[in-house]
Every structure is written in structure tokens, then in C-alpha cells.
Protein backbone atom coordinates (compact mmCIF):
# COMPACT_ATOMS: atom_id res chain seq x y z
CA MET A 1 -21.30 21.70 -126.68
CA VAL A 2 -20.89 24.98 -124.70
CA ALA A 3 -17.98 25.39 -122.82
CA GLY A 4 -18.46 28.83 -121.43
CA LEU A 5 -19.67 32.60 -122.03
CA ALA A 6 -17.99 35.66 -122.70
CA ILE A 7 -19.83 38.64 -121.62
CA THR A 8 -18.95 42.02 -123.12
CA PRO A 9 -20.07 44.84 -121.07
CA ARG A 10 -21.31 48.38 -122.29
CA PRO A 11 -18.65 50.92 -122.28
CA GLY A 12 -17.61 51.50 -118.51
CA GLY A 13 -19.70 48.47 -117.52
CA LEU A 14 -22.62 50.71 -116.88
CA GLY A 15 -25.86 48.57 -116.52
CA PHE A 16 -23.89 45.38 -115.73
CA PRO A 17 -25.85 42.93 -113.85
CA VAL A 18 -25.21 42.41 -110.00
CA ASP A 19 -26.81 39.08 -109.84
CA TYR A 20 -27.16 36.75 -112.74
CA SER A 21 -27.01 33.18 -113.71
CA ILE A 22 -26.22 31.50 -117.24
CA GLU A 23 -29.07 29.32 -118.58
CA THR A 24 -29.12 26.72 -121.56
CA SER A 25 -31.63 25.29 -123.87
CA LEU A 26 -31.95 22.82 -126.60
CA ASP A 27 -35.10 24.34 -127.97
CA ALA A 28 -35.84 27.75 -126.28
CA SER A 29 -38.56 26.44 -124.61
CA ILE A 30 -37.17 24.52 -121.59
CA TRP A 31 -34.41 26.18 -119.90
CA ALA A 32 -31.89 24.95 -117.27
CA GLY A 33 -29.41 26.74 -115.08
CA VAL A 34 -25.76 25.92 -115.83
CA PRO A 35 -24.14 24.29 -112.72
CA GLY A 36 -21.98 26.49 -110.79
CA GLU A 37 -22.72 29.77 -112.86
CA THR A 38 -24.97 31.80 -110.54
CA HIS A 39 -23.28 34.99 -109.56
CA ILE A 40 -24.03 37.30 -106.90
CA GLY A 41 -22.81 40.57 -106.00
CA ALA A 42 -20.87 41.00 -109.43
CA ALA A 43 -18.54 43.79 -109.58
CA ASN A 44 -18.84 46.52 -112.40
CA PRO A 45 -16.24 45.09 -114.94
CA GLY A 46 -15.61 48.49 -116.62
CA ASP A 47 -14.52 47.75 -120.15
CA ASN A 48 -13.03 44.06 -119.41
CA VAL A 49 -14.91 41.10 -121.09
CA VAL A 50 -16.08 38.75 -118.27
CA GLU A 51 -15.29 35.44 -119.31
CA HIS A 52 -16.93 32.28 -117.51
CA GLN A 53 -15.52 28.73 -118.17
CA PHE A 54 -18.10 26.00 -117.21
CA GLY A 55 -17.04 23.26 -115.00
CA SER A 56 -17.95 20.82 -117.88
CA ALA A 57 -19.21 21.67 -121.47
CA VAL A 58 -23.11 21.67 -121.85
CA SER A 59 -25.23 20.44 -124.92
CA ALA A 60 -26.87 23.76 -125.79
CA ARG A 61 -28.43 25.56 -128.88
CA TYR A 62 -29.48 28.66 -126.78
CA VAL A 63 -27.68 30.56 -124.16
CA LYS A 64 -29.24 33.29 -121.76
CA LEU A 65 -28.06 35.24 -119.26
CA ARG A 66 -31.04 35.93 -116.52
CA ALA A 67 -30.35 38.96 -114.15
CA THR A 68 -32.17 39.10 -111.10
CA ARG A 69 -30.55 42.48 -109.92
CA PHE A 70 -29.33 45.34 -112.30
CA GLY A 71 -26.69 47.40 -112.20
CA ILE A 72 -26.89 51.27 -112.67
CA ASP A 73 -26.50 53.22 -115.68
CA ASP A 74 -24.90 56.72 -116.00
CA HIS A 75 -28.12 58.40 -114.98
CA GLY A 76 -28.41 56.21 -111.63
CA ASP A 77 -31.41 54.02 -113.24
CA HIS A 78 -30.97 50.31 -112.88
CA TYR A 79 -31.06 48.39 -115.93
CA LEU A 80 -29.57 45.46 -117.95
CA GLN A 81 -27.13 46.87 -120.70
CA LEU A 82 -24.50 44.65 -122.41
CA GLY A 83 -22.55 44.85 -125.43
CA GLU A 84 -22.60 41.19 -126.44
CA LEU A 85 -22.89 37.61 -125.31
CA SER A 86 -20.62 35.15 -126.74
CA PRO A 87 -20.88 31.46 -126.25
CA VAL A 88 -17.43 29.38 -125.96
CA VAL A 89 -17.96 26.43 -128.15
CA SER A 90 -16.01 23.11 -127.18
CA PRO A 91 -14.12 21.10 -129.88
């Protein structure tokens, strides 16, 4: 069971998504959005890890961040750039 997701940004938060949702899957073929995990207008987190605790744990083997609006990088280009995605597993 997956209870949340920790998102480590690239240094300085450059390229962090502005609009995104978190999705899960049991087979990497059929994906479902996690209820309450659509984020619009997210601020650049700098070097801080962004932690999302789901309202209730979901059964999943795969976790995906689907970005629909990208942040800017240090050259002013719009890209999705992250350091790491770490699922939070419930006991």
C-alpha cells in the first residue's frame, strides 16, 4: 500500500512542475489518479522535498507524476526536472 509520495526537486527547484497530478497503477498499463492529488499552481520549492500524504493509502505497484505545466530552468526553458520520486509505503 502506498500512503504518499516524496518529491525531491532538482537543486534550486528549477524545472519543478507548476501543475501536476499523482497517478498509480498495478500493472503499468492502467493508471488512476490518486484522489485529492491534483496540484495547480505549485510554487518552486527550492531545495525542499515536497511531501504528499494521500487521504488514504492506495494499492499500487507503480507511481507516476503527470506534469501538465512545467516550471522553468536556469535558462528560462520549460522542462520537467526532478531529483527523485520516493513512494511512502504504509505498514
